[in-house]
C-alpha atoms as a PDB file:
ATOM      1  CA  MET A   1      98.106  79.873 105.567  1.00  0.00           C
ATOM      2  CA  GLN A   2     100.917  80.379 108.722  1.00  0.00           C
ATOM      3  CA  SER A   3      99.028  81.641 111.338  1.00  0.00           C
ATOM      4  CA  PHE A   4      99.434  85.425 112.103  1.00  0.00           C
ATOM      5  CA  GLY A   5      99.176  86.402 115.750  1.00  0.00           C
ATOM      6  CA  PHE A   6      99.146  89.848 117.808  1.00  0.00           C
ATOM      7  CA  LYS A   7      99.960  90.664 121.440  1.00  0.00           C
ATOM      8  CA  VAL A   8     100.942  93.357 123.714  1.00  0.00           C
ATOM      9  CA  VAL A   9     103.782  93.318 125.420  1.00  0.00           C
ATOM     10  CA  PRO A  10     105.711  95.639 128.205  1.00  0.00           C
ATOM     11  CA  ALA A  11     108.248  97.815 126.579  1.00  0.00           C
ATOM     12  CA  GLU A  12     111.553  97.264 127.251  1.00  0.00           C
ATOM     13  CA  GLY A  13     113.024  96.737 130.794  1.00  0.00           C
ATOM     14  CA  ASP A  14     109.535  97.222 132.036  1.00  0.00           C
ATOM     15  CA  SER A  15     108.156  93.964 133.725  1.00  0.00           C
ATOM     16  CA  VAL A  16     105.065  95.097 135.222  1.00  0.00           C
ATOM     17  CA  GLY A  17     102.974  93.589 132.701  1.00  0.00           C
ATOM     18  CA  VAL A  18      99.961  94.918 130.370  1.00  0.00           C
ATOM     19  CA  PRO A  19      96.836  95.927 131.711  1.00  0.00           C
ATOM     20  CA  VAL A  20      93.599  94.179 130.481  1.00  0.00           C
ATOM     21  CA  SER A  21      92.546  97.237 129.353  1.00  0.00           C
ATOM     22  CA  VAL A  22      95.258  98.063 127.053  1.00  0.00           C
ATOM     23  CA  ALA A  23      95.714  94.554 125.830  1.00  0.00           C
ATOM     24  CA  GLY A  24      91.606  94.145 124.891  1.00  0.00           C
ATOM     25  CA  GLN A  25      91.525  97.675 123.210  1.00  0.00           C
ATOM     26  CA  THR A  26      94.383  97.163 121.115  1.00  0.00           C
ATOM     27  CA  MET A  27      93.147  94.104 119.707  1.00  0.00           C
ATOM     28  CA  VAL A  28      89.977  95.896 118.994  1.00  0.00           C
ATOM     29  CA  ASP A  29      91.905  98.458 117.009  1.00  0.00           C
ATOM     30  CA  ILE A  30      93.830  95.498 114.967  1.00  0.00           C
ATOM     31  CA  GLN A  31      90.555  93.995 114.310  1.00  0.00           C
ATOM     32  CA  THR A  32      89.188  97.752 112.926  1.00  0.00           C
ATOM     33  CA  LEU A  33      92.597  97.682 110.894  1.00  0.00           C
ATOM     34  CA  ILE A  34      92.254  94.563 109.347  1.00  0.00           C
ATOM     35  CA  THR A  35      88.364  95.100 108.648  1.00  0.00           C
ATOM     36  CA  ASP A  36      89.096  98.100 107.166  1.00  0.00           C
ATOM     37  CA  ILE A  37      92.081  97.009 104.709  1.00  0.00           C
ATOM     38  CA  GLY A  38      89.702  94.237 104.014  1.00  0.00           C
ATOM     39  CA  SER A  39      86.945  96.227 102.788  1.00  0.00           C
ATOM     40  CA  MET A  40      89.297  98.242 100.670  1.00  0.00           C
ATOM     41  CA  MET A  41      90.485  95.267  98.930  1.00  0.00           C
ATOM     42  CA  VAL A  42      86.682  93.852  98.689  1.00  0.00           C
ATOM     43  CA  ARG A  43      85.688  97.174  97.106  1.00  0.00           C
ATOM     44  CA  GLN A  44      88.203  97.162  94.775  1.00  0.00           C
ATOM     45  CA  GLU A  45      88.316  93.919  93.516  1.00  0.00           C
ATOM     46  CA  LEU A  46      84.089  93.478  92.961  1.00  0.00           C
ATOM     47  CA  ARG A  47      83.357  97.249  92.387  1.00  0.00           C
ATOM     48  CA  ILE A  48      80.943  97.449  94.827  1.00  0.00           C
ATOM     49  CA  GLN A  49      79.957 100.894  95.136  1.00  0.00           C
ATOM     50  CA  ASN A  50      78.450 101.227  98.582  1.00  0.00           C
ATOM     51  CA  SER A  51      78.845  99.591 101.942  1.00  0.00           C
ATOM     52  CA  ILE A  52      80.830  96.093 102.042  1.00  0.00           C
ATOM     53  CA  PRO A  53      77.773  93.602 103.006  1.00  0.00           C
ATOM     54  CA  PRO A  54      78.234  91.690 106.332  1.00  0.00           C
ATOM     55  CA  ASN A  55      79.131  88.419 105.090  1.00  0.00           C
ATOM     56  CA  LEU A  56      81.923  89.133 102.943  1.00  0.00           C
ATOM     57  CA  LEU A  57      83.131  91.618 105.971  1.00  0.00           C
ATOM     58  CA  SER A  58      82.850  88.252 108.316  1.00  0.00           C
ATOM     59  CA  LYS A  59      85.843  86.912 106.400  1.00  0.00           C
ATOM     60  CA  PHE A  60      88.365  89.550 108.362  1.00  0.00           C
ATOM     61  CA  ASP A  61      86.892  88.352 111.770  1.00  0.00           C
ATOM     62  CA  LEU A  62      90.225  87.410 113.970  1.00  0.00           C
ATOM     63  CA  ARG A  63      89.734  84.262 116.726  1.00  0.00           C
ATOM     64  CA  ILE A  64      90.988  83.589 119.951  1.00  0.00           C
ATOM     65  CA  GLY A  65      92.957  80.835 120.324  1.00  0.00           C
ATOM     66  CA  GLY A  66      92.740  78.285 117.133  1.00  0.00           C
ATOM     67  CA  SER A  67      96.529  77.534 115.911  1.00  0.00           C
ATOM     68  CA  SER A  68      97.852  80.681 117.368  1.00  0.00           C
ATOM     69  CA  ALA A  69     100.037  80.686 120.135  1.00  0.00           C
ATOM     70  CA  ASN A  70     100.677  84.554 119.738  1.00  0.00           C
ATOM     71  CA  GLY A  71      97.359  85.718 121.390  1.00  0.00           C
ATOM     72  CA  LEU A  72      94.713  86.960 119.077  1.00  0.00           C
ATOM     73  CA  GLY A  73      94.933  84.546 115.808  1.00  0.00           C
ATOM     74  CA  ALA A  74      94.100  84.643 112.235  1.00  0.00           C
ATOM     75  CA  ASP A  75      92.705  81.367 111.595  1.00  0.00           C
ATOM     76  CA  THR A  76      90.637  81.280 108.165  1.00  0.00           C
ATOM     77  CA  ARG A  77      88.286  78.815 106.630  1.00  0.00           C
ATOM     78  CA  LYS A  78      89.634  76.897 104.164  1.00  0.00           C
ATOM     79  CA  GLY A  79      89.134  78.511 100.740  1.00  0.00           C
ATOM     80  CA  SER A  80      89.482  81.845 102.538  1.00  0.00           C
ATOM     81  CA  GLU A  81      93.239  82.121 103.277  1.00  0.00           C
ATOM     82  CA  GLN A  82      94.713  84.034 100.608  1.00  0.00           C
ATOM     83  CA  LEU A  83      92.389  87.264 100.771  1.00  0.00           C
ATOM     84  CA  LEU A  84      93.039  87.266 104.499  1.00  0.00           C
ATOM     85  CA  GLU A  85      96.646  86.503 103.817  1.00  0.00           C
ATOM     86  CA  ASP A  86      97.116  89.600 101.338  1.00  0.00           C
ATOM     87  CA  VAL A  87      95.355  91.983 104.210  1.00  0.00           C
ATOM     88  CA  LEU A  88      97.282  90.650 106.829  1.00  0.00           C
ATOM     89  CA  GLY A  89     100.616  91.096 104.589  1.00  0.00           C
ATOM     90  CA  LEU A  90      99.753  94.561 103.688  1.00  0.00           C
ATOM     91  CA  LEU A  91      99.124  95.338 107.360  1.00  0.00           C
ATOM     92  CA  GLY A  92     102.140  93.951 108.559  1.00  0.00           C
ATOM     93  CA  ARG A  93     104.276  95.756 106.009  1.00  0.00           C
ATOM     94  CA  THR A  94     102.807  98.874 107.154  1.00  0.00           C
ATOM     95  CA  LEU A  95     103.354  98.214 110.932  1.00  0.00           C
ATOM     96  CA  ASP A  96     106.621  97.072 109.887  1.00  0.00           C
ATOM     97  CA  PHE A  97     107.443 100.507 107.900  1.00  0.00           C
ATOM     98  CA  LEU A  98     105.365 103.092 110.387  1.00  0.00           C
ATOM     99  CA  GLY A  99     106.354 101.805 113.423  1.00  0.00           C
ATOM    100  CA  LYS A 100     110.229 102.637 112.739  1.00  0.00           C
ATOM    101  CA  GLY A 101     108.932 106.480 113.060  1.00  0.00           C
ATOM    102  CA  VAL A 102     108.727 107.475 109.451  1.00  0.00           C
ATOM    103  CA  VAL A 103     106.369 107.661 106.863  1.00  0.00           C
ATOM    104  CA  GLY A 104     107.746 108.683 103.536  1.00  0.00           C
ATOM    105  CA  GLU A 105     105.245 107.976 100.602  1.00  0.00           C
ATOM    106  CA  TRP A 106     104.027 104.574 102.268  1.00  0.00           C
ATOM    107  CA  MET A 107     100.425 105.707 102.822  1.00  0.00           C
ATOM    108  CA  THR A 108      99.862 107.173  99.412  1.00  0.00           C
ATOM    109  CA  ASP A 109     101.542 104.568  97.352  1.00  0.00           C
ATOM    110  CA  ASN A 110      99.736 101.444  99.246  1.00  0.00           C
ATOM    111  CA  PHE A 111      96.278 103.167 100.347  1.00  0.00           C
ATOM    112  CA  GLN A 112      95.585 105.041  97.001  1.00  0.00           C
ATOM    113  CA  ASN A 113      91.993 105.807  97.619  1.00  0.00           C
ATOM    114  CA  PRO A 114      91.599 108.856  99.982  1.00  0.00           C
ATOM    115  CA  VAL A 115      88.757 107.720 101.736  1.00  0.00           C
ATOM    116  CA  SER A 116      89.974 104.357 102.404  1.00  0.00           C
ATOM    117  CA  ARG A 117      93.474 106.075 103.292  1.00  0.00           C
ATOM    118  CA  ARG A 118      91.956 108.838 105.720  1.00  0.00           C
ATOM    119  CA  ILE A 119      89.823 106.029 107.474  1.00  0.00           C
ATOM    120  CA  ILE A 120      93.360 103.503 108.079  1.00  0.00           C
ATOM    121  CA  ALA A 121      95.146 106.665 108.875  1.00  0.00           C
ATOM    122  CA  ARG A 122      92.423 107.238 111.888  1.00  0.00           C
ATOM    123  CA  ASP A 123      93.007 103.707 112.441  1.00  0.00           C
ATOM    124  CA  LEU A 124      96.511 103.435 113.015  1.00  0.00           C
ATOM    125  CA  LEU A 125      96.551 106.743 115.571  1.00  0.00           C
ATOM    126  CA  LYS A 126      93.828 105.088 117.578  1.00  0.00           C
ATOM    127  CA  LEU A 127      96.139 102.094 117.649  1.00  0.00           C
ATOM    128  CA  HIS A 128      98.961 104.002 118.805  1.00  0.00           C
ATOM    129  CA  THR A 129      96.991 106.037 121.450  1.00  0.00           C
ATOM    130  CA  ASP A 130      95.603 102.820 122.960  1.00  0.00           C
ATOM    131  CA  LEU A 131      98.863 101.185 123.084  1.00  0.00           C
ATOM    132  CA  ARG A 132      99.597 103.580 125.723  1.00  0.00           C
ATOM    133  CA  GLY A 133     103.732 103.172 125.702  1.00  0.00           C
ATOM    134  CA  TYR A 134     103.492  99.331 125.448  1.00  0.00           C
ATOM    135  CA  VAL A 135     104.482  97.343 122.129  1.00  0.00           C
ATOM    136  CA  LEU A 136     102.556  95.336 119.554  1.00  0.00           C
ATOM    137  CA  GLU A 137     104.037  92.198 118.743  1.00  0.00           C
ATOM    138  CA  TYR A 138     102.914  91.001 115.319  1.00  0.00           C
ATOM    139  CA  GLY A 139     103.534  88.203 113.052  1.00  0.00           C
ATOM    140  CA  ILE A 140     104.113  84.641 112.575  1.00  0.00           C
ATOM    141  CA  GLU A 141     105.465  82.150 115.260  1.00  0.00           C
ATOM    142  CA  GLY A 142     109.428  82.655 114.742  1.00  0.00           C
ATOM    143  CA  ASN A 143     109.208  85.805 113.339  1.00  0.00           C
ATOM    144  CA  MET A 144     107.282  88.182 115.542  1.00  0.00           C
ATOM    145  CA  ARG A 145     107.920  92.121 114.875  1.00  0.00           C
ATOM    146  CA  ARG A 146     107.474  94.996 117.150  1.00  0.00           C
ATOM    147  CA  PHE A 147     105.351  98.236 116.892  1.00  0.00           C
ATOM    148  CA  SER A 148     105.675 100.875 119.044  1.00  0.00           C
ATOM    149  CA  LYS A 149     106.549 104.200 117.353  1.00  0.00           C
ATOM    150  CA  LEU A 150     104.625 106.372 114.852  1.00  0.00           C
ATOM    151  CA  ASP A 151     105.005 109.826 113.338  1.00  0.00           C
ATOM    152  CA  VAL A 152     101.829 111.031 114.674  1.00  0.00           C
ATOM    153  CA  ASP A 153     101.643 114.408 113.031  1.00  0.00           C
ATOM    154  CA  ARG A 154     102.353 112.975 109.390  1.00  0.00           C
ATOM    155  CA  ILE A 155      99.940 110.372 110.001  1.00  0.00           C
ATOM    156  CA  SER A 156      97.523 112.924 111.470  1.00  0.00           C
ATOM    157  CA  SER A 157      97.698 114.950 108.273  1.00  0.00           C
ATOM    158  CA  TYR A 158      96.220 112.085 106.268  1.00  0.00           C
ATOM    159  CA  ALA A 159      93.896 111.551 108.752  1.00  0.00           C
ATOM    160  CA  GLU A 160      92.358 114.875 108.513  1.00  0.00           C
ATOM    161  CA  GLU A 161      92.863 115.366 104.552  1.00  0.00           C
ATOM    162  CA  GLY A 162      90.125 116.196 102.454  1.00  0.00           C
ATOM    163  CA  SER A 163      86.547 115.395 102.700  1.00  0.00           C
ATOM    164  CA  MET A 164      84.462 112.454 101.967  1.00  0.00           C
ATOM    165  CA  GLY A 165      84.608 113.277  97.937  1.00  0.00           C
ATOM    166  CA  ILE A 166      87.024 111.913  95.848  1.00  0.00           C
ATOM    167  CA  ASP A 167      87.507 112.118  92.038  1.00  0.00           C
ATOM    168  CA  GLY A 168      86.422 108.614  90.406  1.00  0.00           C
ATOM    169  CA  MET A 169      84.248 106.468  88.572  1.00  0.00           C
ATOM    170  CA  SER A 170      80.912 105.353  90.033  1.00  0.00           C
ATOM    171  CA  ILE A 171      78.855 102.716  88.237  1.00  0.00           C
ATOM    172  CA  GLY A 172      74.964 103.536  88.020  1.00  0.00           C
ATOM    173  CA  ALA A 173      72.166 104.159  85.943  1.00  0.00           C
ATOM    174  CA  ILE A 174      71.117 107.862  84.689  1.00  0.00           C
ATOM    175  CA  VAL A 175      67.404 108.673  85.229  1.00  0.00           C
ATOM    176  CA  ARG A 176      65.397 111.990  85.188  1.00  0.00           C
ATOM    177  CA  ASP A 177      64.644 112.973  88.464  1.00  0.00           C
ATOM    178  CA  PRO A 178      60.676 112.056  89.426  1.00  0.00           C
ATOM    179  CA  VAL A 179      60.370 115.485  90.972  1.00  0.00           C
ATOM    180  CA  ARG A 180      62.814 118.120  90.217  1.00  0.00           C
ATOM    181  CA  ARG A 181      62.724 119.143  86.461  1.00  0.00           C
ATOM    182  CA  ASN A 182      65.986 119.223  84.652  1.00  0.00           C
ATOM    183  CA  LYS A 183      67.644 117.487  87.516  1.00  0.00           C
ATOM    184  CA  TRP A 184      69.129 113.962  87.394  1.00  0.00           C
ATOM    185  CA  ASN A 185      69.928 110.544  89.353  1.00  0.00           C
ATOM    186  CA  LEU A 186      72.213 107.943  89.622  1.00  0.00           C
ATOM    187  CA  ILE A 187      70.810 104.690  90.580  1.00  0.00           C
ATOM    188  CA  ASN A 188      72.425 101.619  91.398  1.00  0.00           C
ATOM    189  CA  ASN A 189      70.051 100.342  94.159  1.00  0.00           C
ATOM    190  CA  ASP A 190      66.836 101.429  96.013  1.00  0.00           C
ATOM    191  CA  LYS A 191      68.236 104.861  96.756  1.00  0.00           C
ATOM    192  CA  ALA A 192      68.273 107.651  93.488  1.00  0.00           C
ATOM    193  CA  ILE A 193      71.941 109.622  94.117  1.00  0.00           C
ATOM    194  CA  PRO A 194      71.697 112.943  93.401  1.00  0.00           C
ATOM    195  CA  LEU A 195      73.725 113.834  90.076  1.00  0.00           C
ATOM    196  CA  SER A 196      74.882 117.178  88.630  1.00  0.00           C
ATOM    197  CA  PHE A 197      77.085 117.745  85.642  1.00  0.00           C
ATOM    198  CA  THR A 198      79.957 120.650  84.833  1.00  0.00           C
ATOM    199  CA  ASN A 199      78.968 123.313  82.887  1.00  0.00           C
ATOM    200  CA  ASN A 200      80.896 121.594  79.764  1.00  0.00           C
ATOM    201  CA  ILE A 201      78.251 118.880  79.459  1.00  0.00           C
ATOM    202  CA  ASP A 202      75.460 120.085  77.002  1.00  0.00           C
ATOM    203  CA  GLN A 203      72.188 119.613  78.983  1.00  0.00           C
ATOM    204  CA  LYS A 204      70.827 117.906  75.565  1.00  0.00           C
ATOM    205  CA  ALA A 205      73.430 115.119  75.825  1.00  0.00           C
ATOM    206  CA  ILE A 206      72.539 113.937  79.050  1.00  0.00           C
ATOM    207  CA  PRO A 207      68.957 112.174  77.726  1.00  0.00           C
ATOM    208  CA  GLU A 208      71.461 110.185  75.779  1.00  0.00           C
ATOM    209  CA  PHE A 209      73.633 109.388  78.815  1.00  0.00           C
ATOM    210  CA  ALA A 210      70.522 107.964  80.674  1.00  0.00           C
ATOM    211  CA  SER A 211      69.413 105.654  77.459  1.00  0.00           C
ATOM    212  CA  MET A 212      72.575 104.131  77.778  1.00  0.00           C
ATOM    213  CA  GLY A 213      71.580 102.102  80.936  1.00  0.00           C
ATOM    214  CA  ALA A 214      74.513 100.376  82.686  1.00  0.00           C
ATOM    215  CA  THR A 215      77.041 103.385  83.235  1.00  0.00           C
ATOM    216  CA  LEU A 216      80.225 104.589  84.414  1.00  0.00           C
ATOM    217  CA  VAL A 217      80.396 108.439  85.360  1.00  0.00           C
ATOM    218  CA  HIS A 218      83.108 110.386  86.069  1.00  0.00           C
ATOM    219  CA  GLY A 219      83.182 113.398  88.753  1.00  0.00           C
ATOM    220  CA  THR A 220      83.502 113.805  92.509  1.00  0.00           C
ATOM    221  CA  ILE A 221      81.858 111.018  94.706  1.00  0.00           C
ATOM    222  CA  MET A 222      80.848 111.802  98.184  1.00  0.00           C
ATOM    223  CA  ARG A 223      80.041 109.348 100.728  1.00  0.00           C
ATOM    224  CA  ASP A 224      78.616 109.380 103.842  1.00  0.00           C
ATOM    225  CA  GLU A 225      79.818 107.879 107.390  1.00  0.00           C
ATOM    226  CA  ASN A 226      78.815 104.433 105.992  1.00  0.00           C
ATOM    227  CA  LEU A 227      80.557 104.818 102.776  1.00  0.00           C
ATOM    228  CA  ASP A 228      77.204 104.826 100.857  1.00  0.00           C
ATOM    229  CA  ILE A 229      77.535 107.081  97.841  1.00  0.00           C
ATOM    230  CA  SER A 230      75.193 109.951  98.974  1.00  0.00           C
ATOM    231  CA  GLU A 231      75.835 112.442  96.034  1.00  0.00           C
ATOM    232  CA  ILE A 232      78.079 112.708  92.833  1.00  0.00           C
ATOM    233  CA  ARG A 233      78.865 116.449  91.719  1.00  0.00           C
ATOM    234  CA  GLY A 234      80.594 117.556  88.773  1.00  0.00           C
ATOM    235  CA  ALA A 235      80.260 114.675  86.364  1.00  0.00           C
ATOM    236  CA  ASP A 236      82.373 115.438  83.163  1.00  0.00           C
ATOM    237  CA  SER A 237      82.016 111.934  81.315  1.00  0.00           C
ATOM    238  CA  CYS A 238      79.691 109.278  81.053  1.00  0.00           C
ATOM    239  CA  PHE A 239      80.681 105.970  79.359  1.00  0.00           C
ATOM    240  CA  GLN A 240      78.151 102.529  78.488  1.00  0.00           C
ATOM    241  CA  LEU A 241      79.343 100.049  80.725  1.00  0.00           C
ATOM    242  CA  SER A 242      79.092  96.564  78.560  1.00  0.00           C
ATOM    243  CA  GLU A 243      81.153  94.229  80.489  1.00  0.00           C
ATOM    244  CA  MET A 244      83.603  93.988  83.503  1.00  0.00           C
ATOM    245  CA  LYS A 245      86.656  91.908  84.304  1.00  0.00           C
ATOM    246  CA  PHE A 246      87.402  90.332  87.755  1.00  0.00           C
ATOM    247  CA  HIS A 247      90.820  89.289  88.808  1.00  0.00           C
ATOM    248  CA  ARG A 248      90.031  87.790  91.764  1.00  0.00           C
ATOM    249  CA  MET A 249      86.552  86.061  92.875  1.00  0.00           C
ATOM    250  CA  ILE A 250      85.489  86.628  96.195  1.00  0.00           C
ATOM    251  CA  SER A 251      82.418  85.027  98.315  1.00  0.00           C
ATOM    252  CA  ALA A 252      81.404  84.796 101.686  1.00  0.00           C
ATOM    253  CA  ASP A 253      82.902  81.372 101.953  1.00  0.00           C
ATOM    254  CA  SER A 254      86.101  81.289  99.874  1.00  0.00           C
ATOM    255  CA  ASP A 255      88.250  83.434  97.301  1.00  0.00           C
ATOM    256  CA  LEU A 256      90.250  82.804  93.998  1.00  0.00           C
ATOM    257  CA  VAL A 257      92.806  84.829  92.344  1.00  0.00           C
ATOM    258  CA  LEU A 258      92.730  84.430  88.871  1.00  0.00           C
ATOM    259  CA  LEU A 259      95.641  84.567  86.273  1.00  0.00           C
ATOM    260  CA  ASN A 260      93.408  84.877  83.528  1.00  0.00           C
ATOM    261  CA  PRO A 261      90.339  87.261  84.119  1.00  0.00           C
ATOM    262  CA  ILE A 262      86.863  86.223  84.097  1.00  0.00           C
ATOM    263  CA  THR A 263      84.681  88.596  81.932  1.00  0.00           C
ATOM    264  CA  ALA A 264      80.872  89.345  82.776  1.00  0.00           C
ATOM    265  CA  LYS A 265      78.592  91.095  80.198  1.00  0.00           C
ATOM    266  CA  VAL A 266      76.794  93.866  82.112  1.00  0.00           C
ATOM    267  CA  SER A 267      73.509  95.351  81.425  1.00  0.00           C
ATOM    268  CA  TYR A 268      70.555  97.362  83.325  1.00  0.00           C
ATOM    269  CA  ASP A 269      66.780  96.877  82.582  1.00  0.00           C
ATOM    270  CA  GLN A 270      65.476 100.189  83.044  1.00  0.00           C
ATOM    271  CA  ALA A 271      61.626  99.143  82.937  1.00  0.00           C
ATOM    272  CA  LYS A 272      62.275  96.336  85.307  1.00  0.00           C
ATOM    273  CA  GLY A 273      64.862  97.984  87.826  1.00  0.00           C
ATOM    274  CA  LEU A 274      66.972  94.899  87.138  1.00  0.00           C
ATOM    275  CA  TRP A 275      71.229  94.709  86.995  1.00  0.00           C
ATOM    276  CA  ASN A 276      72.477  91.906  84.918  1.00  0.00           C
ATOM    277  CA  LEU A 277      75.811  90.319  85.246  1.00  0.00           C
ATOM    278  CA  LYS A 278      76.319  87.218  82.482  1.00  0.00           C
ATOM    279  CA  GLU A 279      78.980  84.824  81.583  1.00  0.00           C
ATOM    280  CA  ASP A 280      77.895  82.527  78.970  1.00  0.00           C
ATOM    281  CA  ASN A 281      80.901  79.863  79.314  1.00  0.00           C
ATOM    282  CA  LEU A 282      79.807  79.255  82.754  1.00  0.00           C
ATOM    283  CA  GLY A 283      76.083  79.568  82.415  1.00  0.00           C
ATOM    284  CA  ILE A 284      76.024  82.307  85.109  1.00  0.00           C
ATOM    285  CA  ASP A 285      73.185  84.691  84.691  1.00  0.00           C
ATOM    286  CA  GLU A 286      72.638  86.818  87.519  1.00  0.00           C
ATOM    287  CA  SER A 287      69.675  89.523  88.211  1.00  0.00           C
ATOM    288  CA  LYS A 288      69.084  92.006  91.126  1.00  0.00           C
ATOM    289  CA  THR A 289      67.599  95.165  92.071  1.00  0.00           C
ATOM    290  CA  SER A 290      71.064  96.367  92.859  1.00  0.00           C
ATOM    291  CA  TRP A 291      74.411  96.615  91.431  1.00  0.00           C
ATOM    292  CA  ASP A 292      76.231  95.446  94.471  1.00  0.00           C
ATOM    293  CA  GLU A 293      73.826  92.504  95.474  1.00  0.00           C
ATOM    294  CA  CYS A 294      74.139  91.437  91.424  1.00  0.00           C
ATOM    295  CA  VAL A 295      78.067  91.637  91.565  1.00  0.00           C
ATOM    296  CA  THR A 296      78.106  89.723  94.924  1.00  0.00           C
ATOM    297  CA  ALA A 297      75.687  86.828  93.295  1.00  0.00           C
ATOM    298  CA  PHE A 298      78.079  86.530  90.615  1.00  0.00           C
ATOM    299  CA  HIS A 299      81.124  85.910  92.499  1.00  0.00           C
ATOM    300  CA  GLU A 300      78.798  83.390  94.964  1.00  0.00           C
ATOM    301  CA  TYR A 301      78.021  81.566  91.902  1.00  0.00           C
ATOM    302  CA  PHE A 302      81.309  81.555  90.578  1.00  0.00           C
ATOM    303  CA  MET A 303      82.752  80.023  93.672  1.00  0.00           C
ATOM    304  CA  PHE A 304      79.812  77.778  94.008  1.00  0.00           C
ATOM    305  CA  LEU A 305      80.749  76.421  90.506  1.00  0.00           C
ATOM    306  CA  TRP A 306      84.324  76.178  91.578  1.00  0.00           C
ATOM    307  CA  ASP A 307      83.766  74.362  94.320  1.00  0.00           C
ATOM    308  CA  THR A 308      81.718  71.855  92.525  1.00  0.00           C
ATOM    309  CA  TYR A 309      83.763  71.358  89.313  1.00  0.00           C
ATOM    310  CA  ALA A 310      87.301  72.237  89.904  1.00  0.00           C
ATOM    311  CA  ASP A 311      88.187  72.111  93.679  1.00  0.00           C
ATOM    312  CA  ASN A 312      87.739  68.309  93.981  1.00  0.00           C
ATOM    313  CA  ASP A 313      89.071  65.000  92.189  1.00  0.00           C
ATOM    314  CA  LYS A 314      85.591  63.960  90.402  1.00  0.00           C
ATOM    315  CA  GLU A 315      85.910  62.922  87.082  1.00  0.00           C
ATOM    316  CA  PHE A 316      83.059  64.619  84.749  1.00  0.00           C
ATOM    317  CA  ALA A 317      81.849  64.300  81.174  1.00  0.00           C
ATOM    318  CA  GLY A 318      80.131  66.531  78.564  1.00  0.00           C
ATOM    319  CA  GLU A 319      79.117  70.099  79.783  1.00  0.00           C
ATOM    320  CA  GLU A 320      80.423  69.535  83.260  1.00  0.00           C
ATOM    321  CA  LYS A 321      83.562  68.459  81.785  1.00  0.00           C
ATOM    322  CA  GLU A 322      83.693  71.927  79.737  1.00  0.00           C
ATOM    323  CA  VAL A 323      82.634  73.900  82.744  1.00  0.00           C
ATOM    324  CA  ARG A 324      85.408  72.210  84.877  1.00  0.00           C
ATOM    325  CA  ASP A 325      88.234  72.759  81.960  1.00  0.00           C
ATOM    326  CA  PHE A 326      87.006  76.254  81.864  1.00  0.00           C
ATOM    327  CA  LEU A 327      87.338  76.721  85.513  1.00  0.00           C
ATOM    328  CA  LEU A 328      90.979  75.584  85.457  1.00  0.00           C
ATOM    329  CA  SER A 329      91.778  77.504  82.280  1.00  0.00           C
ATOM    330  CA  LEU A 330      91.671  80.623  84.637  1.00  0.00           C
ATOM    331  CA  VAL A 331      94.210  79.656  87.419  1.00  0.00           C
ATOM    332  CA  PRO A 332      97.850  78.923  87.083  1.00  0.00           C
ATOM    333  CA  ILE A 333      98.861  75.327  86.190  1.00  0.00           C
ATOM    334  CA  VAL A 334      99.844  73.649  89.374  1.00  0.00           C
END
């Protein structure tokens, strides 16, 4: 990965220099943008339901110095280049387009989740405000671009749109509320999420939904300020979740784009309160009390196997060779 740098410079014809307060705050704004875009991508790839684990967020931390000659640099740990490169690529294209003072359909096309779009729109407005008339230069050495304009009114409309609720699907298990009669909750961690259904759902069908274990629930998903799910309103359909396909594997130390997805069997043991993700070809069998912990552990173990058997030149035989061959079948032939 080429080093991607950022720095604040005076506007054309201005030789006064840049105040430390402006440069410092701008770099904080850039870090926030990168973290929020990265969070959006991690949530999409892992199907994490609540806030992103801190060890995954650290993948997006920028560094001062390193190989960058352009101020704040984006040097990554070996094995984690691709995800951050994709995040920086999307950020760069966003600044390229919006820095022309136009918006078009860019925000809705590239940030389709309304909650993520609202957060990133607010990040962009703060960056524009904190630049205070100075110019942000960004990119790789030899191809630095400049950001200084923003259609504030249009971006503000995205920053202010809607509530913290969006129409979508949530993963969890439906359980009867232990106190309130005829009330139901969705659980995917140690918290009970209030769940209400539309009038079109027959109340007699809800116990059947609860018997499915791992379930996909469609409705209005409400989130709190930490982006944890706080409530699901107006659920109108429920589907049993028996498997999950992942097209990208992400751990705290590395990530990998797959040509052929890995498919995990999904189950929930209500008696034990355990989520389980299993893949027989690789012998992965992870059980955790929360969905997010379970899916994170599944990805971590996959990447451990990749580092052990595929990402080296060792010779293997027997079952170890079978694991290596299966892992290599998931990625493009180099």
